[in-house]
Amino acid sequence: MNRFVAAILCILVLLNIGCDTDSDSSETFHPAEPTLNMLESGPGNGAEFFWWSDSGRSRAAAANYRAAEWVTDTATTHIQIECMVGLFVYPGCLGSQPDLECDIVVADPTFAQLEYGPTGLSFQDSVKLWIDSTVVDFPVGTYAADVAFYYYNPESGEFEQLDTWINDHNGWIEAKVTHFSRYILGRKVTQRN
């Protein structure tokens, strides 16, 4: 019953948000909405994806939903939005790619979903992405250790679970990734070995 109610609420929220194709000349960044088929392709048919907490939404809005840094291949670069989400790019990770501007975007104001760009870039070695566990609205009885990052694979049309862990020092939920894409936080469906 809980999942059914959550699914109905998710659909109602998405329908109420709607789509606006009019061009907006203001400087405010408007995050992209997840599509229904994307949400349904996750754990529990999408009912197990988590929402931003009030703190997460306000911190993302304060940063205008986006952060960008120039990344070189010779130094560690930390790109972050309001200390709520971030990406560490280490020396050598760009490989033969030239220095470039990397960015993080809060991809949806409701679900704990992020995009890292430029889209399609693969790293020579893995980089680390993290999210502060306090900016996620966990359901009752769910804890940071119960969650995982999911990568949206456009070829399969599904979210795929990543190896995810908790940093004991700061409470961050962390994972290593090898390319820029869209990520969302959801309940683990398999346990790490």
Protein backbone atom coordinates (compact mmCIF):
# COMPACT_ATOMS: atom_id res chain seq x y z
CA MET A 1 0.00 0.00 0.00
CA ASN A 2 2.87 2.36 0.83
CA ARG A 3 4.49 1.94 -2.61
CA PHE A 4 1.15 2.39 -4.34
CA VAL A 5 0.50 5.67 -2.50
CA ALA A 6 4.07 6.85 -3.23
CA ALA A 7 3.65 6.04 -6.93
CA ILE A 8 0.35 7.96 -7.10
CA LEU A 9 1.94 10.97 -5.35
CA CYS A 10 4.91 10.89 -7.75
CA ILE A 11 2.61 10.88 -10.76
CA LEU A 12 0.49 13.73 -9.35
CA VAL A 13 3.59 15.81 -8.63
CA LEU A 14 4.91 15.25 -12.15
CA LEU A 15 1.54 16.13 -13.70
CA ASN A 16 1.30 19.30 -11.60
CA ILE A 17 4.81 20.41 -12.59
CA GLY A 18 3.95 20.21 -16.28
CA CYS A 19 6.14 21.24 -19.20
CA ASP A 20 6.84 24.79 -20.26
CA THR A 21 8.27 25.18 -23.75
CA ASP A 22 8.16 28.98 -23.74
CA SER A 23 11.59 30.55 -23.74
CA ASP A 24 12.53 32.23 -20.49
CA SER A 25 14.87 35.18 -20.73
CA SER A 26 15.55 35.28 -16.98
CA GLU A 27 18.88 34.05 -15.64
CA THR A 28 17.26 31.42 -13.42
CA PHE A 29 18.14 27.84 -14.37
CA HIS A 30 15.11 25.56 -14.59
CA PRO A 31 16.00 21.91 -13.96
CA ALA A 32 14.83 19.25 -16.39
CA GLU A 33 12.03 16.95 -15.31
CA PRO A 34 12.52 13.18 -15.25
CA THR A 35 10.28 11.34 -17.68
CA LEU A 36 7.78 8.80 -16.38
CA ASN A 37 9.49 5.93 -18.21
CA MET A 38 12.80 6.89 -16.56
CA LEU A 39 11.23 6.88 -13.11
CA GLU A 40 9.45 3.58 -13.73
CA SER A 41 12.70 1.90 -14.78
CA GLY A 42 14.23 2.15 -11.32
CA PRO A 43 13.96 0.06 -8.14
CA GLY A 44 10.39 -0.81 -7.19
CA ASN A 45 9.19 0.56 -10.55
CA GLY A 46 10.35 4.02 -9.52
CA ALA A 47 8.60 4.04 -6.15
CA GLU A 48 11.97 3.65 -4.41
CA PHE A 49 13.63 6.83 -5.67
CA PHE A 50 14.13 9.45 -2.95
CA TRP A 51 13.11 13.09 -2.87
CA TRP A 52 15.18 16.11 -1.88
CA SER A 53 14.63 17.24 1.70
CA ASP A 54 13.53 20.84 2.37
CA SER A 55 17.18 21.60 3.11
CA GLY A 56 18.28 20.04 -0.18
CA ARG A 57 15.78 22.03 -2.23
CA SER A 58 16.65 25.32 -0.54
CA ARG A 59 20.40 24.76 -0.88
CA ALA A 60 20.06 23.84 -4.56
CA ALA A 61 17.90 26.91 -5.19
CA ALA A 62 20.43 29.13 -3.39
CA ALA A 63 23.10 27.90 -5.80
CA ASN A 64 20.76 28.33 -8.80
CA TYR A 65 20.73 24.52 -9.25
CA ARG A 66 24.17 24.46 -10.90
CA ALA A 67 27.93 24.57 -10.30
CA ALA A 68 30.81 24.52 -12.79
CA GLU A 69 34.60 24.41 -12.52
CA TRP A 70 37.44 24.34 -15.03
CA VAL A 71 39.16 20.94 -14.76
CA THR A 72 42.77 20.23 -15.71
CA ASP A 73 44.46 16.85 -15.90
CA THR A 74 47.17 17.82 -13.40
CA ALA A 75 45.27 18.70 -10.22
CA THR A 76 42.31 17.45 -8.20
CA THR A 77 39.21 19.56 -8.83
CA HIS A 78 36.17 19.53 -6.53
CA ILE A 79 32.95 20.77 -8.10
CA GLN A 80 30.05 21.16 -5.66
CA ILE A 81 26.65 22.76 -5.15
CA GLU A 82 26.23 24.40 -1.72
CA CYS A 83 28.06 21.57 0.09
CA MET A 84 25.14 19.27 -0.78
CA VAL A 85 26.46 17.36 -3.82
CA GLY A 86 29.85 17.18 -5.44
CA LEU A 87 32.28 15.57 -7.83
CA PHE A 88 36.02 14.99 -7.32
CA VAL A 89 38.02 14.81 -10.56
CA TYR A 90 41.55 13.54 -9.90
CA PRO A 91 44.83 14.05 -11.84
CA GLY A 92 44.95 11.79 -14.89
CA CYS A 93 41.18 11.24 -15.05
CA LEU A 94 40.75 13.26 -18.23
CA GLY A 95 43.25 11.10 -20.12
CA SER A 96 43.80 12.54 -23.59
CA GLN A 97 40.90 14.98 -23.22
CA PRO A 98 41.91 18.65 -23.15
CA ASP A 99 41.21 20.73 -20.05
CA LEU A 100 37.48 21.42 -19.91
CA GLU A 101 34.67 22.95 -17.89
CA CYS A 102 32.78 20.37 -15.83
CA ASP A 103 29.42 21.04 -14.26
CA ILE A 104 26.85 19.61 -11.86
CA VAL A 105 23.15 20.27 -12.32
CA VAL A 106 20.32 19.41 -9.93
CA ALA A 107 18.28 17.75 -12.65
CA ASP A 108 14.94 17.74 -10.85
CA PRO A 109 13.57 19.83 -7.96
CA THR A 110 11.64 16.88 -6.50
CA PHE A 111 13.73 13.72 -6.83
CA ALA A 112 17.34 13.43 -5.64
CA GLN A 113 18.55 13.46 -9.22
CA LEU A 114 21.73 15.01 -10.65
CA GLU A 115 23.43 15.47 -13.98
CA TYR A 116 27.17 15.80 -14.47
CA GLY A 117 28.52 17.24 -17.71
CA PRO A 118 29.66 17.60 -20.39
CA THR A 119 27.36 14.74 -21.40
CA GLY A 120 29.02 11.78 -23.06
CA LEU A 121 32.54 12.36 -21.74
CA SER A 122 34.26 9.25 -20.42
CA PHE A 123 37.07 9.41 -17.89
CA GLN A 124 40.40 7.62 -18.17
CA ASP A 125 40.01 6.68 -14.50
CA SER A 126 37.04 6.84 -12.13
CA VAL A 127 36.01 10.03 -10.37
CA LYS A 128 34.06 10.25 -7.11
CA LEU A 129 30.59 11.70 -6.76
CA TRP A 130 28.96 12.34 -3.41
CA ILE A 131 25.79 13.65 -1.82
CA ASP A 132 25.27 14.83 1.74
CA SER A 133 22.83 12.40 3.36
CA THR A 134 21.05 15.28 5.14
CA VAL A 135 19.70 16.69 1.86
CA VAL A 136 17.72 13.55 1.04
CA ASP A 137 14.21 12.91 2.38
CA PHE A 138 14.46 9.28 3.47
CA PRO A 139 11.24 7.36 4.20
CA VAL A 140 10.70 6.26 7.80
CA GLY A 141 12.93 3.32 8.63
CA THR A 142 15.34 4.04 5.76
CA TYR A 143 18.92 5.07 6.44
CA ALA A 144 21.87 6.24 4.34
CA ALA A 145 23.32 2.71 4.33
CA ASP A 146 20.13 1.49 2.59
CA VAL A 147 20.59 3.65 -0.52
CA ALA A 148 22.58 3.55 -3.74
CA PHE A 149 23.35 5.81 -6.66
CA TYR A 150 21.73 4.75 -9.93
CA TYR A 151 23.10 5.65 -13.36
CA TYR A 152 20.63 6.19 -16.19
CA ASN A 153 21.77 4.07 -19.14
CA PRO A 154 20.19 5.58 -22.27
CA GLU A 155 20.94 2.44 -24.29
CA SER A 156 18.90 0.16 -22.02
CA GLY A 157 16.45 2.85 -20.89
CA GLU A 158 16.95 1.79 -17.27
CA PHE A 159 18.67 2.98 -14.14
CA GLU A 160 21.55 0.72 -13.11
CA GLN A 161 22.70 0.48 -9.50
CA LEU A 162 26.26 1.58 -8.70
CA ASP A 163 28.53 0.36 -5.92
CA THR A 164 27.77 2.93 -3.20
CA TRP A 165 29.11 3.47 0.32
CA ILE A 166 28.93 5.86 3.28
CA ASN A 167 31.93 8.01 4.21
CA ASP A 168 32.23 7.51 7.99
CA HIS A 169 34.07 10.82 8.36
CA ASN A 170 31.40 13.16 7.01
CA GLY A 171 28.27 11.06 6.31
CA TRP A 172 28.47 11.54 2.55
CA ILE A 173 26.92 8.91 0.29
CA GLU A 174 29.63 8.18 -2.29
CA ALA A 175 30.21 6.25 -5.52
CA LYS A 176 32.83 6.12 -8.26
CA VAL A 177 31.81 6.76 -11.86
CA THR A 178 33.66 6.65 -15.16
CA HIS A 179 31.59 9.01 -17.29
CA PHE A 180 29.28 11.98 -17.13
CA SER A 181 25.60 11.14 -17.09
CA ARG A 182 22.40 11.38 -15.04
CA TYR A 183 22.34 9.89 -11.55
CA ILE A 184 19.57 9.46 -9.00
CA LEU A 185 19.47 8.19 -5.44
CA GLY A 186 17.28 5.19 -4.63
CA ARG A 187 16.90 2.20 -2.36
CA LYS A 188 19.51 -0.55 -2.79
CA VAL A 189 18.15 -3.65 -4.47
CA THR A 190 21.37 -5.67 -4.14
CA GLN A 191 23.97 -5.66 -1.38
CA ARG A 192 27.66 -4.92 -1.83
CA ASN A 193 30.04 -7.84 -1.26
